[in-house]
C-alpha atoms as a PDB file:
ATOM      1  CA  MET A   1     211.645  60.118 -17.338  1.00  0.00           C
ATOM      2  CA  ALA A   2     214.904  61.277 -15.762  1.00  0.00           C
ATOM      3  CA  ASP A   3     217.120  63.667 -17.669  1.00  0.00           C
ATOM      4  CA  PHE A   4     220.396  62.122 -16.446  1.00  0.00           C
ATOM      5  CA  VAL A   5     222.043  58.740 -15.982  1.00  0.00           C
ATOM      6  CA  LEU A   6     222.721  57.420 -12.470  1.00  0.00           C
ATOM      7  CA  SER A   7     224.961  54.416 -11.962  1.00  0.00           C
ATOM      8  CA  LEU A   8     226.472  52.711  -8.938  1.00  0.00           C
ATOM      9  CA  GLY A   9     229.103  50.020  -9.338  1.00  0.00           C
ATOM     10  CA  GLY A  10     227.760  48.859 -12.692  1.00  0.00           C
ATOM     11  CA  VAL A  11     224.075  49.050 -11.724  1.00  0.00           C
ATOM     12  CA  GLU A  12     222.299  51.633 -13.857  1.00  0.00           C
ATOM     13  CA  PHE A  13     219.161  53.188 -12.429  1.00  0.00           C
ATOM     14  CA  GLN A  14     216.407  53.704 -14.997  1.00  0.00           C
ATOM     15  CA  SER A  15     213.642  56.288 -15.499  1.00  0.00           C
ATOM     16  CA  PHE A  16     211.554  56.520 -12.298  1.00  0.00           C
ATOM     17  CA  GLU A  17     214.195  54.640 -10.258  1.00  0.00           C
ATOM     18  CA  ILE A  18     216.321  57.787 -10.316  1.00  0.00           C
ATOM     19  CA  PRO A  19     215.519  59.954  -7.274  1.00  0.00           C
ATOM     20  CA  GLU A  20     214.142  63.441  -7.635  1.00  0.00           C
ATOM     21  CA  ASP A  21     217.256  64.816  -5.935  1.00  0.00           C
ATOM     22  CA  ILE A  22     220.614  63.591  -4.663  1.00  0.00           C
ATOM     23  CA  LYS A  23     222.122  65.271  -1.621  1.00  0.00           C
ATOM     24  CA  ALA A  24     225.902  65.646  -1.557  1.00  0.00           C
ATOM     25  CA  GLY A  25     228.443  67.914   0.114  1.00  0.00           C
ATOM     26  CA  GLY A  26     229.725  67.958   3.646  1.00  0.00           C
ATOM     27  CA  ALA A  27     231.930  69.884   6.012  1.00  0.00           C
ATOM     28  CA  GLN A  28     235.577  70.748   6.596  1.00  0.00           C
ATOM     29  CA  ALA A  29     237.172  68.584   9.287  1.00  0.00           C
ATOM     30  CA  LEU A  30     238.591  70.916  11.931  1.00  0.00           C
ATOM     31  CA  PHE A  31     240.548  70.779  15.152  1.00  0.00           C
ATOM     32  CA  ILE A  32     239.878  73.930  17.161  1.00  0.00           C
ATOM     33  CA  HIS A  33     242.402  74.805  19.864  1.00  0.00           C
ATOM     34  CA  LYS A  34     241.092  77.306  22.421  1.00  0.00           C
ATOM     35  CA  TYR A  35     243.517  79.283  24.609  1.00  0.00           C
ATOM     36  CA  PRO A  36     243.140  81.523  27.660  1.00  0.00           C
ATOM     37  CA  GLY A  37     241.902  84.980  26.802  1.00  0.00           C
ATOM     38  CA  GLY A  38     239.776  83.753  23.904  1.00  0.00           C
ATOM     39  CA  ALA A  39     242.606  83.123  21.443  1.00  0.00           C
ATOM     40  CA  ARG A  40     242.240  80.130  19.188  1.00  0.00           C
ATOM     41  CA  THR A  41     243.875  78.365  16.303  1.00  0.00           C
ATOM     42  CA  ILE A  42     242.093  76.178  13.821  1.00  0.00           C
ATOM     43  CA  ASP A  43     243.751  73.278  12.029  1.00  0.00           C
ATOM     44  CA  THR A  44     241.943  72.184   8.889  1.00  0.00           C
ATOM     45  CA  THR A  45     242.384  68.527   8.065  1.00  0.00           C
ATOM     46  CA  GLY A  46     240.451  68.277   4.832  1.00  0.00           C
ATOM     47  CA  PRO A  47     236.966  67.667   3.540  1.00  0.00           C
ATOM     48  CA  ASP A  48     234.584  65.490   5.526  1.00  0.00           C
ATOM     49  CA  ASP A  49     231.939  64.444   3.002  1.00  0.00           C
ATOM     50  CA  ASP A  50     228.457  63.560   4.204  1.00  0.00           C
ATOM     51  CA  ASP A  51     226.841  60.281   3.232  1.00  0.00           C
ATOM     52  CA  ILE A  52     224.897  60.374  -0.025  1.00  0.00           C
ATOM     53  CA  PRO A  53     221.400  58.982   0.654  1.00  0.00           C
ATOM     54  CA  TRP A  54     218.313  58.518  -1.484  1.00  0.00           C
ATOM     55  CA  SER A  55     215.389  56.174  -1.957  1.00  0.00           C
ATOM     56  CA  GLY A  56     213.239  54.960  -4.811  1.00  0.00           C
ATOM     57  CA  TRP A  57     211.708  51.986  -6.560  1.00  0.00           C
ATOM     58  CA  PHE A  58     213.286  49.347  -8.763  1.00  0.00           C
ATOM     59  CA  GLU A  59     210.912  48.696 -11.622  1.00  0.00           C
ATOM     60  CA  GLY A  60     210.690  46.206 -14.477  1.00  0.00           C
ATOM     61  CA  PRO A  61     211.804  42.671 -15.220  1.00  0.00           C
ATOM     62  CA  THR A  62     215.388  43.269 -13.965  1.00  0.00           C
ATOM     63  CA  ALA A  63     214.354  44.954 -10.694  1.00  0.00           C
ATOM     64  CA  LEU A  64     215.083  41.930  -8.493  1.00  0.00           C
ATOM     65  CA  ASP A  65     218.450  41.246 -10.169  1.00  0.00           C
ATOM     66  CA  ARG A  66     219.644  44.832  -9.706  1.00  0.00           C
ATOM     67  CA  CYS A  67     218.415  44.881  -6.112  1.00  0.00           C
ATOM     68  CA  GLN A  68     220.396  41.702  -5.423  1.00  0.00           C
ATOM     69  CA  GLN A  69     223.496  43.202  -7.087  1.00  0.00           C
ATOM     70  CA  LEU A  70     223.394  46.223  -4.777  1.00  0.00           C
ATOM     71  CA  ASP A  71     222.822  44.063  -1.711  1.00  0.00           C
ATOM     72  CA  THR A  72     225.840  41.938  -2.691  1.00  0.00           C
ATOM     73  CA  MET A  73     227.951  45.094  -3.068  1.00  0.00           C
ATOM     74  CA  ARG A  74     226.839  46.200   0.403  1.00  0.00           C
ATOM     75  CA  ARG A  75     227.827  42.849   1.885  1.00  0.00           C
ATOM     76  CA  GLN A  76     231.248  42.927   0.196  1.00  0.00           C
ATOM     77  CA  GLY A  77     232.008  46.414   1.529  1.00  0.00           C
ATOM     78  CA  GLN A  78     234.221  47.332  -1.414  1.00  0.00           C
ATOM     79  CA  ALA A  79     234.520  50.819  -2.868  1.00  0.00           C
ATOM     80  CA  VAL A  80     232.508  51.290  -6.078  1.00  0.00           C
ATOM     81  CA  THR A  81     231.965  54.261  -8.379  1.00  0.00           C
ATOM     82  CA  LEU A  82     228.852  56.416  -8.132  1.00  0.00           C
ATOM     83  CA  ALA A  83     228.284  58.596 -11.211  1.00  0.00           C
ATOM     84  CA  TRP A  84     225.639  61.063 -12.368  1.00  0.00           C
ATOM     85  CA  SER A  85     225.635  64.205 -14.525  1.00  0.00           C
ATOM     86  CA  GLY A  86     229.407  64.620 -14.582  1.00  0.00           C
ATOM     87  CA  TYR A  87     229.879  63.826 -10.878  1.00  0.00           C
ATOM     88  CA  GLN A  88     231.894  60.805  -9.804  1.00  0.00           C
ATOM     89  CA  PHE A  89     232.578  59.519  -6.319  1.00  0.00           C
ATOM     90  CA  SER A  90     234.293  56.463  -4.935  1.00  0.00           C
ATOM     91  CA  VAL A  91     231.834  55.184  -2.312  1.00  0.00           C
ATOM     92  CA  VAL A  92     231.072  52.263  -0.024  1.00  0.00           C
ATOM     93  CA  ILE A  93     227.458  51.219   0.431  1.00  0.00           C
ATOM     94  CA  ARG A  94     226.911  51.971   4.117  1.00  0.00           C
ATOM     95  CA  GLU A  95     223.274  50.928   4.095  1.00  0.00           C
ATOM     96  CA  PHE A  96     220.970  49.334   1.549  1.00  0.00           C
ATOM     97  CA  LYS A  97     217.446  48.344   2.548  1.00  0.00           C
ATOM     98  CA  TRP A  98     214.782  47.011   0.272  1.00  0.00           C
ATOM     99  CA  LYS A  99     211.178  45.973   0.539  1.00  0.00           C
ATOM    100  CA  PHE A 100     210.055  43.252  -1.846  1.00  0.00           C
ATOM    101  CA  GLN A 101     206.495  43.597  -3.159  1.00  0.00           C
ATOM    102  CA  ARG A 102     206.786  41.989  -6.599  1.00  0.00           C
ATOM    103  CA  TYR A 103     209.863  40.848  -8.547  1.00  0.00           C
ATOM    104  CA  TYR A 104     209.276  43.860 -10.808  1.00  0.00           C
ATOM    105  CA  HIS A 105     208.392  46.415  -8.088  1.00  0.00           C
ATOM    106  CA  ILE A 106     210.819  46.796  -5.143  1.00  0.00           C
ATOM    107  CA  ALA A 107     211.131  49.785  -2.815  1.00  0.00           C
ATOM    108  CA  TYR A 108     214.658  50.617  -1.656  1.00  0.00           C
ATOM    109  CA  SER A 109     216.712  53.137   0.306  1.00  0.00           C
ATOM    110  CA  ILE A 110     220.466  53.528   0.149  1.00  0.00           C
ATOM    111  CA  ALA A 111     223.185  55.509   1.941  1.00  0.00           C
ATOM    112  CA  LEU A 112     226.685  55.762   0.512  1.00  0.00           C
ATOM    113  CA  ALA A 113     229.819  56.691   2.489  1.00  0.00           C
ATOM    114  CA  VAL A 114     232.126  58.794   0.324  1.00  0.00           C
ATOM    115  CA  VAL A 115     235.679  57.483   0.064  1.00  0.00           C
ATOM    116  CA  GLN A 116     236.808  60.150  -2.394  1.00  0.00           C
ATOM    117  CA  ASP A 117     235.333  62.840  -4.626  1.00  0.00           C
ATOM    118  CA  LEU A 118     236.845  61.802  -7.969  1.00  0.00           C
ATOM    119  CA  ASN A 119     236.126  65.212  -9.536  1.00  0.00           C
ATOM    120  CA  ASN A 120     238.002  67.107  -6.800  1.00  0.00           C
ATOM    121  CA  PRO A 121     240.557  64.689  -5.361  1.00  0.00           C
ATOM    122  CA  VAL A 122     242.344  65.792  -2.210  1.00  0.00           C
ATOM    123  CA  PRO A 123     246.119  65.851  -2.716  1.00  0.00           C
ATOM    124  CA  GLN A 124     247.783  63.059  -0.775  1.00  0.00           C
ATOM    125  CA  ALA A 125     250.440  63.819   1.810  1.00  0.00           C
ATOM    126  CA  SER A 126     253.957  63.707   0.415  1.00  0.00           C
ATOM    127  CA  GLN A 127     254.848  60.977   2.943  1.00  0.00           C
ATOM    128  CA  ASP A 128     252.919  58.039   4.273  1.00  0.00           C
ATOM    129  CA  VAL A 129     252.354  57.714   8.021  1.00  0.00           C
ATOM    130  CA  ASP A 130     255.237  55.258   8.568  1.00  0.00           C
ATOM    131  CA  SER A 131     257.687  57.579   6.799  1.00  0.00           C
ATOM    132  CA  GLN A 132     256.472  60.545   8.847  1.00  0.00           C
ATOM    133  CA  ILE A 133     256.896  58.618  12.122  1.00  0.00           C
ATOM    134  CA  THR A 134     260.404  57.503  11.118  1.00  0.00           C
ATOM    135  CA  SER A 135     261.319  61.064  10.159  1.00  0.00           C
ATOM    136  CA  ASP A 136     259.955  62.427  13.469  1.00  0.00           C
ATOM    137  CA  ALA A 137     261.848  59.752  15.457  1.00  0.00           C
ATOM    138  CA  ASN A 138     265.077  60.632  13.641  1.00  0.00           C
ATOM    139  CA  ASP A 139     264.521  64.327  14.400  1.00  0.00           C
ATOM    140  CA  ALA A 140     263.967  63.515  18.087  1.00  0.00           C
ATOM    141  CA  THR A 141     267.128  61.388  18.199  1.00  0.00           C
ATOM    142  CA  ASN A 142     269.139  64.183  16.599  1.00  0.00           C
ATOM    143  CA  ASP A 143     267.673  66.730  19.020  1.00  0.00           C
ATOM    144  CA  ALA A 144     268.532  64.486  21.978  1.00  0.00           C
ATOM    145  CA  ALA A 145     272.105  64.053  20.717  1.00  0.00           C
ATOM    146  CA  THR A 146     272.474  67.805  20.305  1.00  0.00           C
ATOM    147  CA  LEU A 147     271.066  68.393  23.781  1.00  0.00           C
ATOM    148  CA  ASN A 148     273.421  65.805  25.259  1.00  0.00           C
ATOM    149  CA  GLU A 149     276.411  67.470  23.568  1.00  0.00           C
ATOM    150  CA  THR A 150     275.580  70.851  25.070  1.00  0.00           C
ATOM    151  CA  THR A 151     274.901  69.547  28.604  1.00  0.00           C
ATOM    152  CA  GLY A 152     277.177  66.510  28.592  1.00  0.00           C
ATOM    153  CA  ASP A 153     280.376  68.552  29.051  1.00  0.00           C
ATOM    154  CA  ALA A 154     279.013  70.161  32.194  1.00  0.00           C
ATOM    155  CA  VAL A 155     278.157  66.746  33.657  1.00  0.00           C
ATOM    156  CA  ALA A 156     281.565  65.336  32.760  1.00  0.00           C
ATOM    157  CA  ASP A 157     283.313  68.311  34.437  1.00  0.00           C
ATOM    158  CA  GLY A 158     281.321  67.808  37.613  1.00  0.00           C
ATOM    159  CA  ASN A 159     279.498  71.112  37.076  1.00  0.00           C
ATOM    160  CA  ALA A 160     276.079  69.594  36.656  1.00  0.00           C
ATOM    161  CA  PRO A 161     273.248  71.633  38.107  1.00  0.00           C
ATOM    162  CA  ALA A 162     272.019  70.340  41.488  1.00  0.00           C
END
C-alpha cells in the first residue's frame, strides 16, 4: 500500500496504482553567447521542467472509468493539477497509453508536460509582451527623433557629410 496520495485532475490513484517513484525536476533554460577570445555571457530565462512520466496498473471495479477519464483529459489538452505529498504542478497530459486486459486490470503509462510548479511559481514579467513591444517602439521613435535633431541642423545648413 502506498504511503501517499497521488491525484491528477480529479483522478485519485489507489494503492498499487501509485508508482514506486515519480521523477521530477529539469534544467535552467539558457542562452549562451560566445565571443572571440573565449569570453561568454549567459542569459538565464527561467526553469525548464522535464516531463513527469510514470507507469502502473489501474486495478479494481473503477479501473476502466478512471482510465477513460485520463484519456479524455489527454484529448482535451487542458491544464490539470497533479498533486502528491505536498507537491503540486499544473500539467498537460502529453501522452497517455493504456493496455486493456480486463475492465478491472489495465496497464498504463503517462507523461505530463509541466505548465507551472505551483509550489515554486516563477514570478511573471512586470509587462506582457505587447506592452514591452510598444514600450520598445516608443523608445526607438524617441531615439530617432533625438538623432534627427542632432543631425538635422547640419543637413538643413547644407553641411551634411558627403
